[in-house]
Full PDB file with SEQRES, HELIX, SHEET, SSBOND, CRYST1, ORIGX, SCALE, CONECT and MASTER records, all heavy atoms in Angstrom:
SEQRES   1 A   36  GLU ASP VAL ILE LEU VAL SER ASP GLU GLU ILE LEU THR          
SEQRES   2 A   36  CYS MET SER ARG LEU PHE ASP ILE GLY LEU LYS ALA GLU          
SEQRES   3 A   36  PRO SER GLY CYS ALA ALA MET ALA ALA ILE                      
HELIX    1 AA1 ASP A    8  ASP A   20  1                                  13    
HELIX    2 AA2 PRO A   27  CYS A   30  5                                   4    
HELIX    3 AA3 ALA A   31  ALA A   35  1                                   5    
CRYST1    1.000    1.000    1.000  90.00  90.00  90.00 P 1           1          
ORIGX1      1.000000  0.000000  0.000000        0.00000                         
ORIGX2      0.000000  1.000000  0.000000        0.00000                         
ORIGX3      0.000000  0.000000  1.000000        0.00000                         
SCALE1      1.000000  0.000000  0.000000        0.00000                         
SCALE2      0.000000  1.000000  0.000000        0.00000                         
SCALE3      0.000000  0.000000  1.000000        0.00000                         
ATOM      1  N   GLU A   1      68.038-140.775 -11.191  1.00  0.00           N  
ATOM      2  CA  GLU A   1      67.289-140.541  -9.948  1.00  0.00           C  
ATOM      3  C   GLU A   1      67.204-139.078  -9.544  1.00  0.00           C  
ATOM      4  O   GLU A   1      66.247-138.639  -8.929  1.00  0.00           O  
ATOM      5  CB  GLU A   1      67.996-141.327  -8.811  1.00  0.00           C  
ATOM      6  CG  GLU A   1      67.944-142.801  -8.922  1.00  0.00           C  
ATOM      7  CD  GLU A   1      68.705-143.523  -7.818  1.00  0.00           C  
ATOM      8  OE1 GLU A   1      68.911-142.883  -6.755  1.00  0.00           O  
ATOM      9  OE2 GLU A   1      68.987-144.703  -8.023  1.00  0.00           O  
ATOM     10  N   ASP A   2      68.224-138.291  -9.879  1.00  0.00           N  
ATOM     11  CA  ASP A   2      68.267-136.913  -9.454  1.00  0.00           C  
ATOM     12  C   ASP A   2      69.228-136.164 -10.407  1.00  0.00           C  
ATOM     13  O   ASP A   2      70.062-136.754 -11.077  1.00  0.00           O  
ATOM     14  CB  ASP A   2      68.786-136.858  -8.036  1.00  0.00           C  
ATOM     15  CG  ASP A   2      68.465-135.518  -7.349  1.00  0.00           C  
ATOM     16  OD1 ASP A   2      67.811-134.660  -7.964  1.00  0.00           O  
ATOM     17  OD2 ASP A   2      68.891-135.328  -6.175  1.00  0.00           O  
ATOM     18  N   VAL A   3      69.026-134.880 -10.435  1.00  0.00           N  
ATOM     19  CA  VAL A   3      69.909-133.999 -11.184  1.00  0.00           C  
ATOM     20  C   VAL A   3      70.511-133.007 -10.210  1.00  0.00           C  
ATOM     21  O   VAL A   3      69.788-132.414  -9.397  1.00  0.00           O  
ATOM     22  CB  VAL A   3      69.133-133.246 -12.290  1.00  0.00           C  
ATOM     23  CG1 VAL A   3      69.978-132.214 -12.982  1.00  0.00           C  
ATOM     24  CG2 VAL A   3      68.552-134.226 -13.288  1.00  0.00           C  
ATOM     25  N   ILE A   4      71.809-132.804 -10.289  1.00  0.00           N  
ATOM     26  CA  ILE A   4      72.523-131.875  -9.412  1.00  0.00           C  
ATOM     27  C   ILE A   4      73.150-130.817 -10.308  1.00  0.00           C  
ATOM     28  O   ILE A   4      73.826-131.139 -11.265  1.00  0.00           O  
ATOM     29  CB  ILE A   4      73.575-132.582  -8.567  1.00  0.00           C  
ATOM     30  CG1 ILE A   4      72.872-133.592  -7.638  1.00  0.00           C  
ATOM     31  CG2 ILE A   4      74.408-131.587  -7.807  1.00  0.00           C  
ATOM     32  CD1 ILE A   4      73.741-134.501  -6.914  1.00  0.00           C  
ATOM     33  N   LEU A   5      72.893-129.547  -9.981  1.00  0.00           N  
ATOM     34  CA  LEU A   5      73.391-128.469 -10.799  1.00  0.00           C  
ATOM     35  C   LEU A   5      74.694-127.920 -10.248  1.00  0.00           C  
ATOM     36  O   LEU A   5      74.835-127.788  -9.032  1.00  0.00           O  
ATOM     37  CB  LEU A   5      72.376-127.337 -10.845  1.00  0.00           C  
ATOM     38  CG  LEU A   5      70.993-127.692 -11.452  1.00  0.00           C  
ATOM     39  CD1 LEU A   5      70.092-126.505 -11.400  1.00  0.00           C  
ATOM     40  CD2 LEU A   5      71.146-128.179 -12.875  1.00  0.00           C  
ATOM     41  N   VAL A   6      75.630-127.626 -11.135  1.00  0.00           N  
ATOM     42  CA  VAL A   6      76.860-126.938 -10.753  1.00  0.00           C  
ATOM     43  C   VAL A   6      76.999-125.709 -11.617  1.00  0.00           C  
ATOM     44  O   VAL A   6      76.533-125.717 -12.765  1.00  0.00           O  
ATOM     45  CB  VAL A   6      78.105-127.843 -10.879  1.00  0.00           C  
ATOM     46  CG1 VAL A   6      78.120-128.938  -9.835  1.00  0.00           C  
ATOM     47  CG2 VAL A   6      78.222-128.439 -12.243  1.00  0.00           C  
ATOM     48  N   SER A   7      77.578-124.693 -11.091  1.00  0.00           N  
ATOM     49  CA  SER A   7      77.695-123.453 -11.858  1.00  0.00           C  
ATOM     50  C   SER A   7      78.901-123.485 -12.827  1.00  0.00           C  
ATOM     51  O   SER A   7      79.764-124.333 -12.659  1.00  0.00           O  
ATOM     52  CB  SER A   7      77.867-122.245 -10.883  1.00  0.00           C  
ATOM     53  OG  SER A   7      79.139-122.330 -10.271  1.00  0.00           O  
ATOM     54  N   ASP A   8      78.902-122.571 -13.749  1.00  0.00           N  
ATOM     55  CA  ASP A   8      80.061-122.470 -14.614  1.00  0.00           C  
ATOM     56  C   ASP A   8      81.301-122.197 -13.861  1.00  0.00           C  
ATOM     57  O   ASP A   8      82.361-122.762 -14.130  1.00  0.00           O  
ATOM     58  CB  ASP A   8      79.835-121.344 -15.661  1.00  0.00           C  
ATOM     59  CG  ASP A   8      78.791-121.630 -16.678  1.00  0.00           C  
ATOM     60  OD1 ASP A   8      78.336-122.793 -16.760  1.00  0.00           O  
ATOM     61  OD2 ASP A   8      78.386-120.697 -17.400  1.00  0.00           O  
ATOM     62  N   GLU A   9      81.253-121.321 -12.859  1.00  0.00           N  
ATOM     63  CA  GLU A   9      82.391-121.017 -12.044  1.00  0.00           C  
ATOM     64  C   GLU A   9      82.931-122.234 -11.305  1.00  0.00           C  
ATOM     65  O   GLU A   9      84.126-122.464 -11.240  1.00  0.00           O  
ATOM     66  CB  GLU A   9      82.040-119.925 -11.023  1.00  0.00           C  
ATOM     67  CG  GLU A   9      83.205-119.485 -10.178  1.00  0.00           C  
ATOM     68  CD  GLU A   9      82.812-118.395  -9.161  1.00  0.00           C  
ATOM     69  OE1 GLU A   9      81.938-117.575  -9.486  1.00  0.00           O  
ATOM     70  OE2 GLU A   9      83.406-118.381  -8.107  1.00  0.00           O  
ATOM     71  N   GLU A  10      82.035-123.063 -10.768  1.00  0.00           N  
ATOM     72  CA  GLU A  10      82.466-124.283 -10.076  1.00  0.00           C  
ATOM     73  C   GLU A  10      83.126-125.256 -11.037  1.00  0.00           C  
ATOM     74  O   GLU A  10      84.141-125.863 -10.702  1.00  0.00           O  
ATOM     75  CB  GLU A  10      81.233-124.950  -9.431  1.00  0.00           C  
ATOM     76  CG  GLU A  10      80.685-124.176  -8.258  1.00  0.00           C  
ATOM     77  CD  GLU A  10      79.344-124.643  -7.773  1.00  0.00           C  
ATOM     78  OE1 GLU A  10      78.535-125.157  -8.568  1.00  0.00           O  
ATOM     79  OE2 GLU A  10      79.052-124.427  -6.577  1.00  0.00           O  
ATOM     80  N   ILE A  11      82.602-125.333 -12.260  1.00  0.00           N  
ATOM     81  CA  ILE A  11      83.225-126.201 -13.297  1.00  0.00           C  
ATOM     82  C   ILE A  11      84.627-125.706 -13.677  1.00  0.00           C  
ATOM     83  O   ILE A  11      85.578-126.461 -13.734  1.00  0.00           O  
ATOM     84  CB  ILE A  11      82.301-126.345 -14.517  1.00  0.00           C  
ATOM     85  CG1 ILE A  11      81.090-127.193 -14.145  1.00  0.00           C  
ATOM     86  CG2 ILE A  11      83.035-126.953 -15.690  1.00  0.00           C  
ATOM     87  CD1 ILE A  11      80.011-127.262 -15.206  1.00  0.00           C  
ATOM     88  N   LEU A  12      84.749-124.385 -13.909  1.00  0.00           N  
ATOM     89  CA  LEU A  12      86.015-123.847 -14.315  1.00  0.00           C  
ATOM     90  C   LEU A  12      87.051-123.952 -13.213  1.00  0.00           C  
ATOM     91  O   LEU A  12      88.252-124.196 -13.449  1.00  0.00           O  
ATOM     92  CB  LEU A  12      85.863-122.406 -14.788  1.00  0.00           C  
ATOM     93  CG  LEU A  12      84.988-122.217 -16.032  1.00  0.00           C  
ATOM     94  CD1 LEU A  12      84.829-120.749 -16.383  1.00  0.00           C  
ATOM     95  CD2 LEU A  12      85.536-123.008 -17.199  1.00  0.00           C  
ATOM     96  N   THR A  13      86.628-123.771 -11.985  1.00  0.00           N  
ATOM     97  CA  THR A  13      87.550-123.946 -10.816  1.00  0.00           C  
ATOM     98  C   THR A  13      88.013-125.385 -10.764  1.00  0.00           C  
ATOM     99  O   THR A  13      89.203-125.689 -10.539  1.00  0.00           O  
ATOM    100  CB  THR A  13      86.869-123.561  -9.525  1.00  0.00           C  
ATOM    101  OG1 THR A  13      86.473-122.181  -9.562  1.00  0.00           O  
ATOM    102  CG2 THR A  13      87.752-123.796  -8.313  1.00  0.00           C  
ATOM    103  N   CYS A  14      87.134-126.343 -10.993  1.00  0.00           N  
ATOM    104  CA  CYS A  14      87.496-127.721 -11.040  1.00  0.00           C  
ATOM    105  C   CYS A  14      88.481-128.006 -12.154  1.00  0.00           C  
ATOM    106  O   CYS A  14      89.463-128.730 -11.974  1.00  0.00           O  
ATOM    107  CB  CYS A  14      86.238-128.604 -11.185  1.00  0.00           C  
ATOM    108  SG  CYS A  14      86.593-130.366 -11.221  1.00  0.00           S  
ATOM    109  N   MET A  15      88.195-127.475 -13.342  1.00  0.00           N  
ATOM    110  CA  MET A  15      89.149-127.649 -14.487  1.00  0.00           C  
ATOM    111  C   MET A  15      90.546-127.181 -14.100  1.00  0.00           C  
ATOM    112  O   MET A  15      91.544-127.833 -14.388  1.00  0.00           O  
ATOM    113  CB  MET A  15      88.705-126.818 -15.690  1.00  0.00           C  
ATOM    114  CG  MET A  15      87.650-127.442 -16.536  1.00  0.00           C  
ATOM    115  SD  MET A  15      87.208-126.352 -17.915  1.00  0.00           S  
ATOM    116  CE  MET A  15      88.651-126.538 -18.947  1.00  0.00           C  
ATOM    117  N   SER A  16      90.606-126.053 -13.453  1.00  0.00           N  
ATOM    118  CA  SER A  16      91.886-125.453 -13.010  1.00  0.00           C  
ATOM    119  C   SER A  16      92.613-126.378 -12.010  1.00  0.00           C  
ATOM    120  O   SER A  16      93.814-126.627 -12.132  1.00  0.00           O  
ATOM    121  CB  SER A  16      91.667-124.093 -12.447  1.00  0.00           C  
ATOM    122  OG  SER A  16      92.874-123.521 -12.021  1.00  0.00           O  
ATOM    123  N   ARG A  17      91.844-126.873 -11.034  1.00  0.00           N  
ATOM    124  CA  ARG A  17      92.468-127.765 -10.043  1.00  0.00           C  
ATOM    125  C   ARG A  17      92.969-129.029 -10.682  1.00  0.00           C  
ATOM    126  O   ARG A  17      94.060-129.533 -10.331  1.00  0.00           O  
ATOM    127  CB  ARG A  17      91.447-128.057  -8.930  1.00  0.00           C  
ATOM    128  CG  ARG A  17      91.186-126.891  -8.037  1.00  0.00           C  
ATOM    129  CD  ARG A  17      90.160-127.186  -6.980  1.00  0.00           C  
ATOM    130  NE  ARG A  17      90.730-128.118  -5.990  1.00  0.00           N  
ATOM    131  CZ  ARG A  17      90.078-128.496  -4.906  1.00  0.00           C  
ATOM    132  NH1 ARG A  17      88.870-128.004  -4.634  1.00  0.00           N  
ATOM    133  NH2 ARG A  17      90.628-129.299  -4.042  1.00  0.00           N  
ATOM    134  N   LEU A  18      92.189-129.569 -11.622  1.00  0.00           N  
ATOM    135  CA  LEU A  18      92.669-130.786 -12.297  1.00  0.00           C  
ATOM    136  C   LEU A  18      93.862-130.550 -13.151  1.00  0.00           C  
ATOM    137  O   LEU A  18      94.801-131.346 -13.158  1.00  0.00           O  
ATOM    138  CB  LEU A  18      91.488-131.380 -13.143  1.00  0.00           C  
ATOM    139  CG  LEU A  18      90.318-131.938 -12.353  1.00  0.00           C  
ATOM    140  CD1 LEU A  18      89.156-132.292 -13.322  1.00  0.00           C  
ATOM    141  CD2 LEU A  18      90.716-133.120 -11.536  1.00  0.00           C  
ATOM    142  N   PHE A  19      93.875-129.440 -13.855  1.00  0.00           N  
ATOM    143  CA  PHE A  19      95.039-129.064 -14.680  1.00  0.00           C  
ATOM    144  C   PHE A  19      96.301-128.919 -13.825  1.00  0.00           C  
ATOM    145  O   PHE A  19      97.359-129.349 -14.257  1.00  0.00           O  
ATOM    146  CB  PHE A  19      94.727-127.791 -15.452  1.00  0.00           C  
ATOM    147  CG  PHE A  19      95.786-127.468 -16.493  1.00  0.00           C  
ATOM    148  CD1 PHE A  19      95.837-128.206 -17.684  1.00  0.00           C  
ATOM    149  CD2 PHE A  19      96.729-126.513 -16.280  1.00  0.00           C  
ATOM    150  CE1 PHE A  19      96.821-127.910 -18.608  1.00  0.00           C  
ATOM    151  CE2 PHE A  19      97.707-126.224 -17.201  1.00  0.00           C  
ATOM    152  CZ  PHE A  19      97.766-126.938 -18.400  1.00  0.00           C  
ATOM    153  N   ASP A  20      96.129-128.357 -12.633  1.00  0.00           N  
ATOM    154  CA  ASP A  20      97.259-128.161 -11.720  1.00  0.00           C  
ATOM    155  C   ASP A  20      97.883-129.520 -11.325  1.00  0.00           C  
ATOM    156  O   ASP A  20      99.091-129.545 -10.990  1.00  0.00           O  
ATOM    157  CB  ASP A  20      96.838-127.424 -10.474  1.00  0.00           C  
ATOM    158  CG  ASP A  20      96.568-125.937 -10.718  1.00  0.00           C  
ATOM    159  OD1 ASP A  20      96.992-125.431 -11.810  1.00  0.00           O  
ATOM    160  OD2 ASP A  20      95.974-125.296  -9.863  1.00  0.00           O  
ATOM    161  N   ILE A  21      97.142-130.587 -11.356  1.00  0.00           N  
ATOM    162  CA  ILE A  21      97.705-131.895 -11.022  1.00  0.00           C  
ATOM    163  C   ILE A  21      97.981-132.732 -12.273  1.00  0.00           C  
ATOM    164  O   ILE A  21      98.240-133.946 -12.172  1.00  0.00           O  
ATOM    165  CB  ILE A  21      96.833-132.697  -9.998  1.00  0.00           C  
ATOM    166  CG1 ILE A  21      95.452-133.003 -10.602  1.00  0.00           C  
ATOM    167  CG2 ILE A  21      96.747-131.949  -8.689  1.00  0.00           C  
ATOM    168  CD1 ILE A  21      94.626-133.972  -9.780  1.00  0.00           C  
ATOM    169  N   GLY A  22      97.892-132.107 -13.457  1.00  0.00           N  
ATOM    170  CA  GLY A  22      98.280-132.771 -14.674  1.00  0.00           C  
ATOM    171  C   GLY A  22      97.157-133.403 -15.520  1.00  0.00           C  
ATOM    172  O   GLY A  22      97.458-134.170 -16.404  1.00  0.00           O  
ATOM    173  N   LEU A  23      95.924-133.113 -15.163  1.00  0.00           N  
ATOM    174  CA  LEU A  23      94.790-133.654 -15.925  1.00  0.00           C  
ATOM    175  C   LEU A  23      94.149-132.599 -16.783  1.00  0.00           C  
ATOM    176  O   LEU A  23      93.871-131.525 -16.290  1.00  0.00           O  
ATOM    177  CB  LEU A  23      93.749-134.281 -14.973  1.00  0.00           C  
ATOM    178  CG  LEU A  23      94.186-135.457 -14.126  1.00  0.00           C  
ATOM    179  CD1 LEU A  23      93.094-135.862 -13.138  1.00  0.00           C  
ATOM    180  CD2 LEU A  23      94.546-136.638 -15.053  1.00  0.00           C  
ATOM    181  N   LYS A  24      93.951-132.923 -18.019  1.00  0.00           N  
ATOM    182  CA  LYS A  24      93.299-132.001 -18.940  1.00  0.00           C  
ATOM    183  C   LYS A  24      91.883-132.518 -19.206  1.00  0.00           C  
ATOM    184  O   LYS A  24      91.734-133.632 -19.750  1.00  0.00           O  
ATOM    185  CB  LYS A  24      94.095-131.880 -20.249  1.00  0.00           C  
ATOM    186  CG  LYS A  24      93.552-130.873 -21.214  1.00  0.00           C  
ATOM    187  CD  LYS A  24      94.426-130.758 -22.476  1.00  0.00           C  
ATOM    188  CE  LYS A  24      93.937-131.751 -23.485  1.00  0.00           C  
ATOM    189  NZ  LYS A  24      94.465-131.542 -24.812  1.00  0.00           N  
ATOM    190  N   ALA A  25      90.864-131.752 -18.846  1.00  0.00           N  
ATOM    191  CA  ALA A  25      89.502-132.169 -19.052  1.00  0.00           C  
ATOM    192  C   ALA A  25      88.659-130.996 -19.531  1.00  0.00           C  
ATOM    193  O   ALA A  25      88.925-129.852 -19.090  1.00  0.00           O  
ATOM    194  CB  ALA A  25      88.913-132.742 -17.741  1.00  0.00           C  
ATOM    195  N   GLU A  26      87.717-131.255 -20.387  1.00  0.00           N  
ATOM    196  CA  GLU A  26      86.858-130.179 -20.880  1.00  0.00           C  
ATOM    197  C   GLU A  26      85.760-129.900 -19.821  1.00  0.00           C  
ATOM    198  O   GLU A  26      85.564-130.689 -18.904  1.00  0.00           O  
ATOM    199  CB  GLU A  26      86.215-130.544 -22.213  1.00  0.00           C  
ATOM    200  CG  GLU A  26      85.374-131.791 -22.181  1.00  0.00           C  
ATOM    201  CD  GLU A  26      85.024-132.285 -23.563  1.00  0.00           C  
ATOM    202  OE1 GLU A  26      85.826-132.152 -24.493  1.00  0.00           O  
ATOM    203  OE2 GLU A  26      83.890-132.793 -23.691  1.00  0.00           O  
ATOM    204  N   PRO A  27      85.109-128.769 -19.907  1.00  0.00           N  
ATOM    205  CA  PRO A  27      84.140-128.375 -18.871  1.00  0.00           C  
ATOM    206  C   PRO A  27      83.092-129.435 -18.578  1.00  0.00           C  
ATOM    207  O   PRO A  27      82.885-129.761 -17.405  1.00  0.00           O  
ATOM    208  CB  PRO A  27      83.492-127.127 -19.453  1.00  0.00           C  
ATOM    209  CG  PRO A  27      84.568-126.535 -20.312  1.00  0.00           C  
ATOM    210  CD  PRO A  27      85.276-127.688 -20.925  1.00  0.00           C  
ATOM    211  N   SER A  28      82.482-130.061 -19.576  1.00  0.00           N  
ATOM    212  CA  SER A  28      81.436-131.029 -19.265  1.00  0.00           C  
ATOM    213  C   SER A  28      81.996-132.234 -18.539  1.00  0.00           C  
ATOM    214  O   SER A  28      81.330-132.878 -17.773  1.00  0.00           O  
ATOM    215  CB  SER A  28      80.734-131.462 -20.535  1.00  0.00           C  
ATOM    216  OG  SER A  28      81.654-132.064 -21.466  1.00  0.00           O  
ATOM    217  N   GLY A  29      83.274-132.539 -18.791  1.00  0.00           N  
ATOM    218  CA  GLY A  29      83.920-133.695 -18.165  1.00  0.00           C  
ATOM    219  C   GLY A  29      84.259-133.406 -16.696  1.00  0.00           C  
ATOM    220  O   GLY A  29      84.667-134.319 -15.980  1.00  0.00           O  
ATOM    221  N   CYS A  30      84.122-132.183 -16.280  1.00  0.00           N  
ATOM    222  CA  CYS A  30      84.434-131.787 -14.883  1.00  0.00           C  
ATOM    223  C   CYS A  30      83.183-131.669 -13.982  1.00  0.00           C  
ATOM    224  O   CYS A  30      83.322-131.431 -12.763  1.00  0.00           O  
ATOM    225  CB  CYS A  30      85.183-130.493 -14.847  1.00  0.00           C  
ATOM    226  SG  CYS A  30      86.786-130.529 -15.643  1.00  0.00           S  
ATOM    227  N   ALA A  31      82.040-131.809 -14.539  1.00  0.00           N  
ATOM    228  CA  ALA A  31      80.793-131.528 -13.826  1.00  0.00           C  
ATOM    229  C   ALA A  31      80.655-132.385 -12.558  1.00  0.00           C  
ATOM    230  O   ALA A  31      80.357-131.878 -11.479  1.00  0.00           O  
ATOM    231  CB  ALA A  31      79.616-131.676 -14.708  1.00  0.00           C  
ATOM    232  N   ALA A  32      80.888-133.688 -12.687  1.00  0.00           N  
ATOM    233  CA  ALA A  32      80.711-134.595 -11.526  1.00  0.00           C  
ATOM    234  C   ALA A  32      81.736-134.241 -10.433  1.00  0.00           C  
ATOM    235  O   ALA A  32      81.354-134.198  -9.255  1.00  0.00           O  
ATOM    236  CB  ALA A  32      80.855-136.053 -11.948  1.00  0.00           C  
ATOM    237  N   MET A  33      82.961-134.016 -10.823  1.00  0.00           N  
ATOM    238  CA  MET A  33      84.015-133.654  -9.823  1.00  0.00           C  
ATOM    239  C   MET A  33      83.710-132.329  -9.230  1.00  0.00           C  
ATOM    240  O   MET A  33      83.907-132.125  -7.986  1.00  0.00           O  
ATOM    241  CB  MET A  33      85.386-133.632 -10.496  1.00  0.00           C  
ATOM    242  CG  MET A  33      86.520-133.444  -9.572  1.00  0.00           C  
ATOM    243  SD  MET A  33      86.684-134.856  -8.498  1.00  0.00           S  
ATOM    244  CE  MET A  33      88.056-134.337  -7.519  1.00  0.00           C  
ATOM    245  N   ALA A  34      83.196-131.380  -9.950  1.00  0.00           N  
ATOM    246  CA  ALA A  34      82.807-130.048  -9.407  1.00  0.00           C  
ATOM    247  C   ALA A  34      81.744-130.200  -8.367  1.00  0.00           C  
ATOM    248  O   ALA A  34      81.728-129.498  -7.349  1.00  0.00           O  
ATOM    249  CB  ALA A  34      82.346-129.124 -10.531  1.00  0.00           C  
ATOM    250  N   ALA A  35      80.757-131.095  -8.653  1.00  0.00           N  
ATOM    251  CA  ALA A  35      79.731-131.347  -7.640  1.00  0.00           C  
ATOM    252  C   ALA A  35      80.294-131.894  -6.320  1.00  0.00           C  
ATOM    253  O   ALA A  35      79.916-131.492  -5.250  1.00  0.00           O  
ATOM    254  CB  ALA A  35      78.670-132.305  -8.232  1.00  0.00           C  
ATOM    255  N   ILE A  36      81.245-132.846  -6.458  1.00  0.00           N  
ATOM    256  CA  ILE A  36      81.893-133.393  -5.247  1.00  0.00           C  
ATOM    257  C   ILE A  36      82.652-132.319  -4.490  1.00  0.00           C  
ATOM    258  O   ILE A  36      82.537-132.163  -3.291  1.00  0.00           O  
ATOM    259  CB  ILE A  36      82.856-134.548  -5.624  1.00  0.00           C  
ATOM    260  CG1 ILE A  36      82.085-135.765  -6.221  1.00  0.00           C  
ATOM    261  CG2 ILE A  36      83.715-134.966  -4.434  1.00  0.00           C  
ATOM    262  CD1 ILE A  36      81.345-136.585  -5.232  1.00  0.00           C  
TER     263      ILE A  36                                                      
MASTER        0    0    0    3    0    0    0    6  262    1    0    3          
END                                                                             
């Protein structure tokens, strides 16, 4: 229905936040969470 863009910086920040709580995810796997 729609495409939402997130920046590389937003994705990397999300990766870092997830890693801080014990989750390891690659950049593409963080895109939806970065959007939220």
